Amino acid sequence: YDEFVIWRVYETRGTRSQIRRAPREIRGVYEVWRTLIELEGPDRASEIEGFSARSGLGQWEGTWYVRLGFLWVLRCYTRPEISEVLVLKLQSGFEEHLKWEAELERRERARRESK
């Protein structure tokens, strides 16, 4: 199927092991996403339900992310001039959720102490 590949998908160092450690279901969804990107490109792949892409914020500004499941996020960077997608990171949203809860708790504690 290499002769039909329009886009190339590259993974940064460490991303491959993140993908290997992810649950089997997420690995399967990732492979489907990767195939869609290679054959159709990121614009067409994001039109498919379940693979909607959003731009990153904060430290991830200039990148975009795709939800691969309820709690799994794939961070990417696109170089359209050479038809390349660079996969930066696969992360569990659960870890981010725990950080967010800890931050909310810290703010609430600081608010109570300031009274």
N, C-alpha and C. Protein backbone atom coordinates (compact mmCIF):
# COMPACT_ATOMS: atom_id res chain seq x y z
N TYR A 1 0.80 -1.19 0.00
CA TYR A 1 0.00 0.00 0.00
C TYR A 1 0.84 1.25 0.00
N ASP A 2 2.16 1.11 0.04
CA ASP A 2 3.07 2.25 0.02
C ASP A 2 2.93 3.13 -1.22
N GLU A 3 2.54 2.53 -2.34
CA GLU A 3 2.44 3.33 -3.55
C GLU A 3 1.28 4.31 -3.51
N PHE A 4 0.32 4.11 -2.60
CA PHE A 4 -0.83 5.00 -2.48
C PHE A 4 -0.68 6.02 -1.35
N VAL A 5 0.40 5.95 -0.60
CA VAL A 5 0.62 6.85 0.52
C VAL A 5 0.88 8.26 0.01
N ILE A 6 0.09 9.21 0.52
CA ILE A 6 0.23 10.60 0.13
C ILE A 6 1.00 11.36 1.20
N TRP A 7 0.69 11.09 2.46
CA TRP A 7 1.33 11.74 3.60
C TRP A 7 2.19 10.73 4.35
N ARG A 8 3.24 11.21 4.96
CA ARG A 8 4.09 10.36 5.82
C ARG A 8 3.82 10.71 7.27
N VAL A 9 3.80 9.72 8.12
CA VAL A 9 3.60 9.92 9.56
C VAL A 9 4.88 9.47 10.26
N TYR A 10 5.50 10.39 10.98
CA TYR A 10 6.71 10.09 11.75
C TYR A 10 6.41 10.25 13.23
N GLU A 11 7.06 9.44 14.04
CA GLU A 11 6.87 9.50 15.49
C GLU A 11 8.16 9.96 16.15
N THR A 12 8.04 10.87 17.10
CA THR A 12 9.23 11.34 17.81
C THR A 12 9.75 10.24 18.72
N ARG A 13 10.96 10.44 19.18
CA ARG A 13 11.59 9.48 20.07
C ARG A 13 10.72 9.31 21.33
N GLY A 14 10.47 8.10 21.69
CA GLY A 14 9.67 7.82 22.87
C GLY A 14 8.19 7.62 22.58
N THR A 15 7.72 8.16 21.45
CA THR A 15 6.31 8.02 21.12
C THR A 15 5.95 6.57 20.82
N ARG A 16 6.85 5.88 20.13
CA ARG A 16 6.59 4.47 19.79
C ARG A 16 6.37 3.65 21.06
N SER A 17 7.19 3.88 22.09
CA SER A 17 7.02 3.12 23.34
C SER A 17 5.74 3.55 24.06
N GLN A 18 5.34 4.82 23.95
CA GLN A 18 4.07 5.25 24.53
C GLN A 18 2.92 4.51 23.86
N ILE A 19 3.02 4.35 22.56
CA ILE A 19 1.97 3.65 21.82
C ILE A 19 1.95 2.17 22.21
N ARG A 20 3.12 1.56 22.36
CA ARG A 20 3.19 0.15 22.76
C ARG A 20 2.60 -0.07 24.15
N ARG A 21 2.75 0.90 25.05
CA ARG A 21 2.25 0.76 26.42
C ARG A 21 0.77 1.08 26.54
N ALA A 22 0.19 1.69 25.52
CA ALA A 22 -1.24 2.05 25.55
C ALA A 22 -2.09 0.78 25.47
N PRO A 23 -3.33 0.84 25.90
CA PRO A 23 -4.22 -0.32 25.79
C PRO A 23 -4.40 -0.76 24.33
N ARG A 24 -4.69 -2.03 24.15
CA ARG A 24 -4.83 -2.60 22.81
C ARG A 24 -5.84 -1.84 21.96
N GLU A 25 -6.95 -1.46 22.55
CA GLU A 25 -7.99 -0.72 21.82
C GLU A 25 -7.45 0.60 21.27
N ILE A 26 -6.67 1.30 22.08
CA ILE A 26 -6.11 2.59 21.67
C ILE A 26 -5.06 2.38 20.57
N ARG A 27 -4.27 1.32 20.70
CA ARG A 27 -3.29 1.02 19.64
C ARG A 27 -3.98 0.76 18.31
N GLY A 28 -5.10 0.05 18.35
CA GLY A 28 -5.85 -0.22 17.13
C GLY A 28 -6.41 1.05 16.52
N VAL A 29 -6.97 1.92 17.36
CA VAL A 29 -7.52 3.19 16.87
C VAL A 29 -6.39 4.04 16.30
N TYR A 30 -5.22 4.02 16.94
CA TYR A 30 -4.07 4.77 16.42
C TYR A 30 -3.68 4.29 15.03
N GLU A 31 -3.62 2.97 14.84
CA GLU A 31 -3.24 2.44 13.53
C GLU A 31 -4.25 2.82 12.46
N VAL A 32 -5.55 2.83 12.80
CA VAL A 32 -6.57 3.27 11.85
C VAL A 32 -6.36 4.74 11.52
N TRP A 33 -6.12 5.56 12.55
CA TRP A 33 -5.87 6.99 12.34
C TRP A 33 -4.66 7.20 11.45
N ARG A 34 -3.60 6.47 11.73
CA ARG A 34 -2.36 6.62 10.96
C ARG A 34 -2.58 6.26 9.49
N THR A 35 -3.31 5.19 9.24
CA THR A 35 -3.61 4.78 7.87
C THR A 35 -4.44 5.85 7.16
N LEU A 36 -5.42 6.40 7.86
CA LEU A 36 -6.24 7.47 7.28
C LEU A 36 -5.38 8.68 6.91
N ILE A 37 -4.48 9.07 7.80
CA ILE A 37 -3.60 10.20 7.54
C ILE A 37 -2.73 9.93 6.31
N GLU A 38 -2.15 8.73 6.24
CA GLU A 38 -1.26 8.41 5.13
C GLU A 38 -1.99 8.41 3.79
N LEU A 39 -3.23 7.93 3.78
CA LEU A 39 -3.96 7.82 2.52
C LEU A 39 -4.77 9.06 2.15
N GLU A 40 -5.29 9.76 3.16
CA GLU A 40 -6.20 10.88 2.89
C GLU A 40 -5.64 12.25 3.30
N GLY A 41 -4.69 12.28 4.23
CA GLY A 41 -4.19 13.54 4.74
C GLY A 41 -4.95 13.97 5.99
N PRO A 42 -4.40 14.88 6.76
CA PRO A 42 -5.02 15.26 8.04
C PRO A 42 -6.37 15.96 7.90
N ASP A 43 -6.58 16.72 6.83
CA ASP A 43 -7.85 17.41 6.66
C ASP A 43 -9.00 16.43 6.47
N ARG A 44 -8.82 15.46 5.61
CA ARG A 44 -9.88 14.48 5.35
C ARG A 44 -10.06 13.55 6.55
N ALA A 45 -8.97 13.18 7.21
CA ALA A 45 -9.08 12.27 8.35
C ALA A 45 -9.84 12.91 9.50
N SER A 46 -9.69 14.22 9.68
CA SER A 46 -10.37 14.89 10.79
C SER A 46 -11.87 15.06 10.53
N GLU A 47 -12.30 14.87 9.28
CA GLU A 47 -13.73 14.93 8.97
C GLU A 47 -14.47 13.68 9.40
N ILE A 48 -13.74 12.59 9.63
CA ILE A 48 -14.36 11.33 10.02
C ILE A 48 -14.70 11.38 11.50
N GLU A 49 -15.91 10.94 11.83
CA GLU A 49 -16.37 10.99 13.21
C GLU A 49 -15.43 10.18 14.11
N GLY A 50 -15.06 10.77 15.22
CA GLY A 50 -14.16 10.12 16.16
C GLY A 50 -12.72 10.56 16.02
N PHE A 51 -12.39 11.24 14.95
CA PHE A 51 -11.01 11.69 14.73
C PHE A 51 -10.95 13.20 14.57
N SER A 52 -11.81 13.93 15.25
CA SER A 52 -11.81 15.39 15.08
C SER A 52 -10.53 15.97 15.69
N ALA A 53 -9.93 16.89 14.96
CA ALA A 53 -8.68 17.51 15.40
C ALA A 53 -8.96 18.89 15.95
N ARG A 54 -8.24 19.27 16.98
CA ARG A 54 -8.36 20.59 17.57
C ARG A 54 -6.95 21.17 17.73
N SER A 55 -6.86 22.48 17.69
CA SER A 55 -5.54 23.09 17.85
C SER A 55 -5.15 23.09 19.32
N GLY A 56 -3.85 23.00 19.55
CA GLY A 56 -3.35 22.96 20.92
C GLY A 56 -3.27 24.34 21.54
N LEU A 57 -3.27 24.37 22.87
CA LEU A 57 -3.20 25.62 23.62
C LEU A 57 -1.97 25.61 24.53
N GLY A 58 -1.59 26.78 25.00
CA GLY A 58 -0.49 26.88 25.97
C GLY A 58 0.81 26.38 25.38
N GLN A 59 1.45 25.44 26.08
CA GLN A 59 2.73 24.92 25.61
C GLN A 59 2.59 24.14 24.30
N TRP A 60 1.36 23.75 23.96
CA TRP A 60 1.13 22.99 22.73
C TRP A 60 0.64 23.87 21.58
N GLU A 61 0.74 25.20 21.72
CA GLU A 61 0.31 26.09 20.64
C GLU A 61 1.12 25.81 19.38
N GLY A 62 0.46 25.79 18.25
CA GLY A 62 1.12 25.46 16.99
C GLY A 62 1.01 23.99 16.63
N THR A 63 0.49 23.20 17.54
CA THR A 63 0.27 21.78 17.28
C THR A 63 -1.23 21.53 17.23
N TRP A 64 -1.62 20.29 17.06
CA TRP A 64 -3.03 19.93 17.13
C TRP A 64 -3.14 18.59 17.82
N TYR A 65 -4.33 18.29 18.30
CA TYR A 65 -4.52 17.02 18.98
C TYR A 65 -5.76 16.31 18.48
N VAL A 66 -5.71 15.00 18.61
CA VAL A 66 -6.81 14.13 18.19
C VAL A 66 -7.14 13.23 19.37
N ARG A 67 -8.40 13.12 19.69
CA ARG A 67 -8.83 12.20 20.74
C ARG A 67 -8.94 10.80 20.14
N LEU A 68 -8.25 9.84 20.72
CA LEU A 68 -8.30 8.46 20.26
C LEU A 68 -9.25 7.62 21.10
N GLY A 69 -9.73 8.17 22.15
CA GLY A 69 -10.65 7.49 23.05
C GLY A 69 -11.09 8.50 24.08
N PHE A 70 -11.86 8.03 25.04
CA PHE A 70 -12.38 8.94 26.05
C PHE A 70 -11.26 9.66 26.79
N LEU A 71 -10.18 8.95 27.09
CA LEU A 71 -9.11 9.54 27.90
C LEU A 71 -7.77 9.63 27.19
N TRP A 72 -7.69 9.33 25.90
CA TRP A 72 -6.40 9.30 25.23
C TRP A 72 -6.32 10.38 24.16
N VAL A 73 -5.20 11.10 24.17
CA VAL A 73 -5.00 12.23 23.26
C VAL A 73 -3.67 12.04 22.52
N LEU A 74 -3.71 12.32 21.22
CA LEU A 74 -2.52 12.25 20.38
C LEU A 74 -2.14 13.67 19.99
N ARG A 75 -0.92 14.10 20.29
CA ARG A 75 -0.44 15.44 19.94
C ARG A 75 0.37 15.34 18.65
N CYS A 76 0.10 16.24 17.70
CA CYS A 76 0.74 16.18 16.39
C CYS A 76 1.17 17.56 15.91
N TYR A 77 2.07 17.55 14.95
CA TYR A 77 2.52 18.76 14.27
C TYR A 77 2.52 18.43 12.78
N THR A 78 1.94 19.31 11.97
CA THR A 78 1.83 19.06 10.54
C THR A 78 2.79 19.96 9.76
N ARG A 79 3.48 19.37 8.79
CA ARG A 79 4.31 20.14 7.87
C ARG A 79 3.75 19.91 6.46
N PRO A 80 2.74 20.73 6.08
CA PRO A 80 2.05 20.49 4.81
C PRO A 80 2.93 20.67 3.58
N GLU A 81 3.98 21.48 3.68
CA GLU A 81 4.82 21.72 2.50
C GLU A 81 5.54 20.45 2.05
N ILE A 82 5.72 19.50 2.95
CA ILE A 82 6.36 18.23 2.56
C ILE A 82 5.45 17.03 2.86
N SER A 83 4.16 17.29 3.07
CA SER A 83 3.17 16.23 3.32
C SER A 83 3.62 15.29 4.43
N GLU A 84 3.85 15.87 5.60
CA GLU A 84 4.36 15.10 6.73
C GLU A 84 3.60 15.45 7.99
N VAL A 85 3.29 14.44 8.79
CA VAL A 85 2.70 14.63 10.11
C VAL A 85 3.68 14.04 11.12
N LEU A 86 4.04 14.83 12.11
CA LEU A 86 4.96 14.40 13.15
C LEU A 86 4.15 14.15 14.42
N VAL A 87 4.15 12.92 14.90
CA VAL A 87 3.44 12.57 16.13
C VAL A 87 4.36 12.89 17.29
N LEU A 88 3.94 13.83 18.14
CA LEU A 88 4.79 14.30 19.24
C LEU A 88 4.60 13.49 20.51
N LYS A 89 3.34 13.12 20.80
CA LYS A 89 3.10 12.49 22.09
C LYS A 89 1.73 11.81 22.10
N LEU A 90 1.66 10.66 22.75
CA LEU A 90 0.39 10.01 23.06
C LEU A 90 0.27 10.04 24.57
N GLN A 91 -0.79 10.66 25.06
CA GLN A 91 -0.91 10.76 26.51
C GLN A 91 -2.31 10.41 26.96
N SER A 92 -2.36 9.92 28.18
CA SER A 92 -3.64 9.60 28.78
C SER A 92 -4.24 10.85 29.37
N GLY A 93 -5.48 11.11 29.03
CA GLY A 93 -6.17 12.26 29.59
C GLY A 93 -6.41 12.10 31.08
N PHE A 94 -6.34 10.86 31.59
CA PHE A 94 -6.53 10.63 33.01
C PHE A 94 -5.45 11.32 33.82
N GLU A 95 -4.21 11.27 33.32
CA GLU A 95 -3.11 11.96 34.00
C GLU A 95 -3.37 13.46 34.04
N GLU A 96 -3.82 14.02 32.93
CA GLU A 96 -4.15 15.45 32.88
C GLU A 96 -5.31 15.77 33.81
N HIS A 97 -6.29 14.88 33.86
CA HIS A 97 -7.45 15.08 34.74
C HIS A 97 -7.01 15.12 36.20
N LEU A 98 -6.10 14.24 36.58
CA LEU A 98 -5.60 14.24 37.96
C LEU A 98 -4.85 15.53 38.28
N LYS A 99 -4.04 16.02 37.33
CA LYS A 99 -3.33 17.28 37.53
C LYS A 99 -4.32 18.43 37.69
N TRP A 100 -5.36 18.44 36.86
CA TRP A 100 -6.37 19.48 36.91
C TRP A 100 -7.10 19.45 38.25
N GLU A 101 -7.48 18.27 38.74
CA GLU A 101 -8.14 18.16 40.05
C GLU A 101 -7.23 18.65 41.17
N ALA A 102 -5.94 18.30 41.11
CA ALA A 102 -5.00 18.74 42.14
C ALA A 102 -4.87 20.26 42.13
N GLU A 103 -4.86 20.87 40.93
CA GLU A 103 -4.78 22.32 40.83
C GLU A 103 -6.04 22.97 41.41
N LEU A 104 -7.20 22.42 41.12
CA LEU A 104 -8.45 22.96 41.68
C LEU A 104 -8.45 22.86 43.21
N GLU A 105 -7.99 21.74 43.72
CA GLU A 105 -7.93 21.55 45.17
C GLU A 105 -6.96 22.55 45.80
N ARG A 106 -5.81 22.76 45.16
CA ARG A 106 -4.83 23.72 45.68
C ARG A 106 -5.42 25.13 45.71
N ARG A 107 -6.13 25.52 44.66
CA ARG A 107 -6.75 26.85 44.62
C ARG A 107 -7.83 26.99 45.68
N GLU A 108 -8.62 25.95 45.88
CA GLU A 108 -9.68 26.00 46.89
C GLU A 108 -9.08 26.13 48.29
N ARG A 109 -8.00 25.39 48.55
CA ARG A 109 -7.33 25.46 49.85
C ARG A 109 -6.76 26.86 50.08
N ALA A 110 -6.16 27.45 49.04
CA ALA A 110 -5.59 28.79 49.16
C ALA A 110 -6.70 29.81 49.39
N ARG A 111 -7.84 29.65 48.76
CA ARG A 111 -8.97 30.54 48.95
C ARG A 111 -9.50 30.48 50.38
N ARG A 112 -9.60 29.25 50.93
CA ARG A 112 -10.08 29.08 52.30
C ARG A 112 -9.11 29.69 53.31
N GLU A 113 -7.80 29.52 53.06
CA GLU A 113 -6.79 30.04 53.98
C GLU A 113 -6.72 31.57 53.96
N SER A 114 -7.08 32.16 52.81
CA SER A 114 -7.00 33.62 52.70
C SER A 114 -8.17 34.31 53.42
N LYS A 115 -9.20 33.55 53.79
CA LYS A 115 -10.36 34.15 54.48
C LYS A 115 -10.09 34.36 55.94
